[in-house]
PDB file of N, CA and C in Angstrom:
ATOM      1  N   MET A   1       1.501  13.239-169.893  1.00  0.00           N
ATOM      2  CA  MET A   1       0.374  12.601-169.129  1.00  0.00           C
ATOM      3  C   MET A   1      -0.018  11.599-169.710  1.00  0.00           C
ATOM      4  N   THR A   2       0.302  11.434-170.656  1.00  0.00           N
ATOM      5  CA  THR A   2       0.044   9.893-171.678  1.00  0.00           C
ATOM      6  C   THR A   2       1.019   8.899-171.556  1.00  0.00           C
ATOM      7  N   LEU A   3       2.031   9.250-171.091  1.00  0.00           N
ATOM      8  CA  LEU A   3       3.306   8.396-170.937  1.00  0.00           C
ATOM      9  C   LEU A   3       3.755   7.863-172.347  1.00  0.00           C
ATOM     10  N   LYS A   4       3.436   9.026-173.593  1.00  0.00           N
ATOM     11  CA  LYS A   4       3.968   8.554-174.867  1.00  0.00           C
ATOM     12  C   LYS A   4       5.257   9.301-175.349  1.00  0.00           C
ATOM     13  N   GLY A   5       5.659  10.153-174.334  1.00  0.00           N
ATOM     14  CA  GLY A   5       7.039  10.889-174.609  1.00  0.00           C
ATOM     15  C   GLY A   5       6.583  12.339-174.773  1.00  0.00           C
ATOM     16  N   GLY A   6       7.521  13.250-175.090  1.00  0.00           N
ATOM     17  CA  GLY A   6       7.644  14.477-174.780  1.00  0.00           C
ATOM     18  C   GLY A   6       8.860  14.780-175.253  1.00  0.00           C
ATOM     19  N   LEU A   7       9.644  15.308-174.228  1.00  0.00           N
ATOM     20  CA  LEU A   7      11.038  15.367-174.343  1.00  0.00           C
ATOM     21  C   LEU A   7      11.869  14.418-173.911  1.00  0.00           C
ATOM     22  N   GLY A   8      11.404  13.258-173.526  1.00  0.00           N
ATOM     23  CA  GLY A   8      12.318  12.116-173.008  1.00  0.00           C
ATOM     24  C   GLY A   8      11.242  10.974-174.201  1.00  0.00           C
ATOM     25  N   PRO A   9      11.828   9.592-173.574  1.00  0.00           N
ATOM     26  CA  PRO A   9      11.066   8.594-174.420  1.00  0.00           C
ATOM     27  C   PRO A   9       9.851   8.156-173.760  1.00  0.00           C
ATOM     28  N   PRO A  10       8.984   7.296-174.475  1.00  0.00           N
ATOM     29  CA  PRO A  10       7.696   6.800-173.823  1.00  0.00           C
ATOM     30  C   PRO A  10       8.103   5.958-172.404  1.00  0.00           C
ATOM     31  N   LEU A  11       7.181   5.918-171.666  1.00  0.00           N
ATOM     32  CA  LEU A  11       6.818   5.232-170.627  1.00  0.00           C
ATOM     33  C   LEU A  11       6.009   4.357-170.228  1.00  0.00           C
ATOM     34  N   LEU A  12       5.455   3.685-171.494  1.00  0.00           N
ATOM     35  CA  LEU A  12       4.391   2.622-171.654  1.00  0.00           C
ATOM     36  C   LEU A  12       5.125   1.142-171.144  1.00  0.00           C
ATOM     37  N   PRO A  13       4.272   0.257-170.808  1.00  0.00           N
ATOM     38  CA  PRO A  13       4.979  -1.047-170.227  1.00  0.00           C
ATOM     39  C   PRO A  13       5.769  -1.298-171.260  1.00  0.00           C
ATOM     40  N   ALA A  14       5.208  -1.813-172.837  1.00  0.00           N
ATOM     41  CA  ALA A  14       6.186  -1.995-173.641  1.00  0.00           C
ATOM     42  C   ALA A  14       7.388  -1.655-173.920  1.00  0.00           C
ATOM     43  N   ASP A  15       7.593  -0.087-173.529  1.00  0.00           N
ATOM     44  CA  ASP A  15       8.524   0.798-173.740  1.00  0.00           C
ATOM     45  C   ASP A  15       9.755   0.119-172.482  1.00  0.00           C
ATOM     46  N   LEU A  16       8.986  -0.299-171.385  1.00  0.00           N
ATOM     47  CA  LEU A  16       9.696  -0.625-170.095  1.00  0.00           C
ATOM     48  C   LEU A  16      10.152  -1.899-169.907  1.00  0.00           C
ATOM     49  N   ALA A  17       9.845  -2.690-170.859  1.00  0.00           N
ATOM     50  CA  ALA A  17       9.899  -4.212-170.341  1.00  0.00           C
ATOM     51  C   ALA A  17      11.264  -4.802-170.542  1.00  0.00           C
ATOM     52  N   ASN A  18      11.821  -4.018-171.390  1.00  0.00           N
ATOM     53  CA  ASN A  18      13.184  -4.817-171.169  1.00  0.00           C
ATOM     54  C   ASN A  18      14.317  -3.840-170.456  1.00  0.00           C
ATOM     55  N   LYS A  19      13.694  -3.020-169.660  1.00  0.00           N
ATOM     56  CA  LYS A  19      14.723  -2.135-168.799  1.00  0.00           C
ATOM     57  C   LYS A  19      14.871  -2.708-167.533  1.00  0.00           C
ATOM     58  N   PRO A  20      16.047  -2.726-167.082  1.00  0.00           N
ATOM     59  CA  PRO A  20      15.920  -3.149-165.623  1.00  0.00           C
ATOM     60  C   PRO A  20      15.068  -2.587-164.701  1.00  0.00           C
ATOM     61  N   ALA A  21      14.388  -2.813-163.727  1.00  0.00           N
ATOM     62  CA  ALA A  21      13.932  -1.989-162.487  1.00  0.00           C
ATOM     63  C   ALA A  21      14.799  -1.068-162.042  1.00  0.00           C
ATOM     64  N   ASP A  22      16.051  -1.738-161.330  1.00  0.00           N
ATOM     65  CA  ASP A  22      17.050  -1.018-160.674  1.00  0.00           C
ATOM     66  C   ASP A  22      17.383   0.313-161.619  1.00  0.00           C
ATOM     67  N   LEU A  23      17.820  -0.022-162.866  1.00  0.00           N
ATOM     68  CA  LEU A  23      18.341   1.236-163.407  1.00  0.00           C
ATOM     69  C   LEU A  23      16.978   2.336-163.756  1.00  0.00           C
ATOM     70  N   LEU A  24      15.763   1.930-163.880  1.00  0.00           N
ATOM     71  CA  LEU A  24      14.726   3.015-163.954  1.00  0.00           C
ATOM     72  C   LEU A  24      14.536   3.688-162.708  1.00  0.00           C
ATOM     73  N   GLU A  25      15.127   3.071-161.354  1.00  0.00           N
ATOM     74  CA  GLU A  25      15.094   3.670-160.319  1.00  0.00           C
ATOM     75  C   GLU A  25      16.180   4.803-160.133  1.00  0.00           C
ATOM     76  N   ASP A  26      17.057   4.355-160.519  1.00  0.00           N
ATOM     77  CA  ASP A  26      18.373   5.169-160.561  1.00  0.00           C
ATOM     78  C   ASP A  26      18.104   6.406-161.430  1.00  0.00           C
ATOM     79  N   ILE A  27      17.493   6.230-162.576  1.00  0.00           N
ATOM     80  CA  ILE A  27      17.319   7.265-163.159  1.00  0.00           C
ATOM     81  C   ILE A  27      16.202   8.482-163.130  1.00  0.00           C
ATOM     82  N   VAL A  28      15.269   7.690-162.169  1.00  0.00           N
ATOM     83  CA  VAL A  28      14.477   9.186-161.368  1.00  0.00           C
ATOM     84  C   VAL A  28      15.193   9.491-160.215  1.00  0.00           C
ATOM     85  N   PHE A  29      16.116   8.776-159.623  1.00  0.00           N
ATOM     86  CA  PHE A  29      16.566   9.156-158.469  1.00  0.00           C
ATOM     87  C   PHE A  29      17.713  10.300-158.709  1.00  0.00           C
ATOM     88  N   HIS A  30      18.353  10.007-159.746  1.00  0.00           N
ATOM     89  CA  HIS A  30      19.455  10.658-159.948  1.00  0.00           C
ATOM     90  C   HIS A  30      19.314  11.686-161.106  1.00  0.00           C
ATOM     91  N   GLY A  31      18.121  11.579-162.019  1.00  0.00           N
ATOM     92  CA  GLY A  31      18.095  12.404-163.362  1.00  0.00           C
ATOM     93  C   GLY A  31      18.752  11.874-164.482  1.00  0.00           C
ATOM     94  N   LEU A  32      18.751  12.656-165.735  1.00  0.00           N
ATOM     95  CA  LEU A  32      19.345  12.787-166.410  1.00  0.00           C
ATOM     96  C   LEU A  32      19.489  13.938-167.297  1.00  0.00           C
ATOM     97  N   PRO A  33      20.478  14.788-166.632  1.00  0.00           N
ATOM     98  CA  PRO A  33      20.423  16.264-167.096  1.00  0.00           C
ATOM     99  C   PRO A  33      20.447  16.563-168.665  1.00  0.00           C
ATOM    100  N   GLU A  34      21.237  15.802-169.182  1.00  0.00           N
ATOM    101  CA  GLU A  34      21.316  15.939-170.762  1.00  0.00           C
ATOM    102  C   GLU A  34      19.930  15.950-171.330  1.00  0.00           C
ATOM    103  N   ARG A  35      19.008  14.896-170.759  1.00  0.00           N
ATOM    104  CA  ARG A  35      17.636  14.662-171.360  1.00  0.00           C
ATOM    105  C   ARG A  35      16.841  15.415-170.757  1.00  0.00           C
ATOM    106  N   ALA A  36      16.797  16.331-170.073  1.00  0.00           N
ATOM    107  CA  ALA A  36      15.664  17.415-169.327  1.00  0.00           C
ATOM    108  C   ALA A  36      15.118  16.488-168.347  1.00  0.00           C
ATOM    109  N   MET A  37      15.502  15.620-167.703  1.00  0.00           N
ATOM    110  CA  MET A  37      14.998  14.546-166.653  1.00  0.00           C
ATOM    111  C   MET A  37      15.823  15.141-165.362  1.00  0.00           C
ATOM    112  N   PRO A  38      14.970  15.664-164.412  1.00  0.00           N
ATOM    113  CA  PRO A  38      15.428  16.209-163.216  1.00  0.00           C
ATOM    114  C   PRO A  38      15.803  15.087-162.073  1.00  0.00           C
ATOM    115  N   PRO A  39      16.457  15.153-161.351  1.00  0.00           N
ATOM    116  CA  PRO A  39      16.614  14.374-160.182  1.00  0.00           C
ATOM    117  C   PRO A  39      15.462  14.429-159.315  1.00  0.00           C
ATOM    118  N   TRP A  40      14.985  13.439-158.791  1.00  0.00           N
ATOM    119  CA  TRP A  40      13.937  13.464-157.990  1.00  0.00           C
ATOM    120  C   TRP A  40      14.531  13.102-156.189  1.00  0.00           C
ATOM    121  N   GLU A  41      16.054  12.939-156.321  1.00  0.00           N
ATOM    122  CA  GLU A  41      16.359  12.703-154.880  1.00  0.00           C
ATOM    123  C   GLU A  41      15.954  13.875-154.196  1.00  0.00           C
ATOM    124  N   GLY A  42      15.676  13.609-152.670  1.00  0.00           N
ATOM    125  CA  GLY A  42      15.076  14.537-151.903  1.00  0.00           C
ATOM    126  C   GLY A  42      13.760  14.734-152.025  1.00  0.00           C
ATOM    127  N   LEU A  43      13.019  14.690-152.836  1.00  0.00           N
ATOM    128  CA  LEU A  43      11.687  14.809-153.189  1.00  0.00           C
ATOM    129  C   LEU A  43      11.071  13.640-153.098  1.00  0.00           C
ATOM    130  N   LEU A  44      11.311  12.228-153.393  1.00  0.00           N
ATOM    131  CA  LEU A  44      10.678  11.064-153.377  1.00  0.00           C
ATOM    132  C   LEU A  44      11.779  10.167-152.558  1.00  0.00           C
ATOM    133  N   THR A  45      11.404   9.452-152.060  1.00  0.00           N
ATOM    134  CA  THR A  45      11.965   8.392-151.305  1.00  0.00           C
ATOM    135  C   THR A  45      12.333   7.471-152.228  1.00  0.00           C
ATOM    136  N   ARG A  46      13.671   6.430-151.935  1.00  0.00           N
ATOM    137  CA  ARG A  46      13.840   5.139-152.829  1.00  0.00           C
ATOM    138  C   ARG A  46      12.506   4.406-152.643  1.00  0.00           C
ATOM    139  N   GLU A  47      12.017   3.992-151.589  1.00  0.00           N
ATOM    140  CA  GLU A  47      10.564   3.537-151.715  1.00  0.00           C
ATOM    141  C   GLU A  47       9.461   4.105-152.446  1.00  0.00           C
ATOM    142  N   GLU A  48       9.234   5.125-152.478  1.00  0.00           N
ATOM    143  CA  GLU A  48       8.551   5.581-153.575  1.00  0.00           C
ATOM    144  C   GLU A  48       8.884   5.776-154.938  1.00  0.00           C
ATOM    145  N   ILE A  49      10.120   5.752-155.192  1.00  0.00           N
ATOM    146  CA  ILE A  49      10.671   5.609-156.731  1.00  0.00           C
ATOM    147  C   ILE A  49      10.315   4.192-157.306  1.00  0.00           C
ATOM    148  N   ARG A  50      10.597   3.389-155.886  1.00  0.00           N
ATOM    149  CA  ARG A  50      10.265   2.142-156.540  1.00  0.00           C
ATOM    150  C   ARG A  50       9.144   1.508-157.118  1.00  0.00           C
ATOM    151  N   TRP A  51       7.915   1.902-156.134  1.00  0.00           N
ATOM    152  CA  TRP A  51       6.600   1.768-156.302  1.00  0.00           C
ATOM    153  C   TRP A  51       6.215   2.668-157.433  1.00  0.00           C
ATOM    154  N   LEU A  52       6.711   3.371-158.100  1.00  0.00           N
ATOM    155  CA  LEU A  52       6.072   4.423-159.146  1.00  0.00           C
ATOM    156  C   LEU A  52       6.804   3.677-160.323  1.00  0.00           C
ATOM    157  N   VAL A  53       8.189   3.023-160.405  1.00  0.00           N
ATOM    158  CA  VAL A  53       8.802   2.089-161.265  1.00  0.00           C
ATOM    159  C   VAL A  53       7.974   1.107-161.501  1.00  0.00           C
ATOM    160  N   LEU A  54       7.533   0.140-160.373  1.00  0.00           N
ATOM    161  CA  LEU A  54       6.736  -0.838-160.469  1.00  0.00           C
ATOM    162  C   LEU A  54       5.119  -0.843-161.067  1.00  0.00           C
ATOM    163  N   HIS A  55       5.152   0.258-160.630  1.00  0.00           N
ATOM    164  CA  HIS A  55       3.651   0.574-161.561  1.00  0.00           C
ATOM    165  C   HIS A  55       3.588   1.029-162.850  1.00  0.00           C
ATOM    166  N   LEU A  56       4.725   1.649-163.443  1.00  0.00           N
ATOM    167  CA  LEU A  56       5.036   2.283-164.639  1.00  0.00           C
ATOM    168  C   LEU A  56       5.197   1.003-165.478  1.00  0.00           C
ATOM    169  N   LYS A  57       6.310  -0.256-164.975  1.00  0.00           N
ATOM    170  CA  LYS A  57       6.272  -0.829-165.887  1.00  0.00           C
ATOM    171  C   LYS A  57       5.231  -2.039-165.978  1.00  0.00           C
ATOM    172  N   LYS A  58       4.154  -2.175-165.111  1.00  0.00           N
ATOM    173  CA  LYS A  58       2.933  -2.620-164.897  1.00  0.00           C
ATOM    174  C   LYS A  58       1.802  -1.977-165.972  1.00  0.00           C
ATOM    175  N   GLY A  59       1.817  -0.735-166.046  1.00  0.00           N
ATOM    176  CA  GLY A  59       0.746   0.035-166.849  1.00  0.00           C
ATOM    177  C   GLY A  59      -0.626   0.272-165.802  1.00  0.00           C
ATOM    178  N   ASP A  60      -0.179   0.062-164.687  1.00  0.00           N
ATOM    179  CA  ASP A  60      -1.332   0.448-163.843  1.00  0.00           C
ATOM    180  C   ASP A  60      -1.810   1.682-162.832  1.00  0.00           C
ATOM    181  N   LEU A  61      -0.900   2.536-163.182  1.00  0.00           N
ATOM    182  CA  LEU A  61      -0.921   4.051-162.444  1.00  0.00           C
ATOM    183  C   LEU A  61      -2.363   4.584-162.701  1.00  0.00           C
ATOM    184  N   PRO A  62      -2.610   5.161-161.354  1.00  0.00           N
ATOM    185  CA  PRO A  62      -4.195   5.563-161.186  1.00  0.00           C
ATOM    186  C   PRO A  62      -4.233   6.748-162.270  1.00  0.00           C
TER     187      PRO A  62
END
C-alpha cells in the first residue's frame, strides 16, 4: 500500500526511473512467479497495465 516493497522491490518513482516502461508492463502482464508476483494477464488489459506503469513511474496514483 505504501509502494515501499514487501515481498517485492519498492515501486516508488525513484526506484522505477531507470526501468523501461515496456519491461515493467511485461512483468505486470506475465508476472514473476519466483518473486511472488502474479500475472495480471486476463484481469487487466494491456492499456490498463500501460496506464498503471505510467502512473507508478510518475508517482501520481490516486
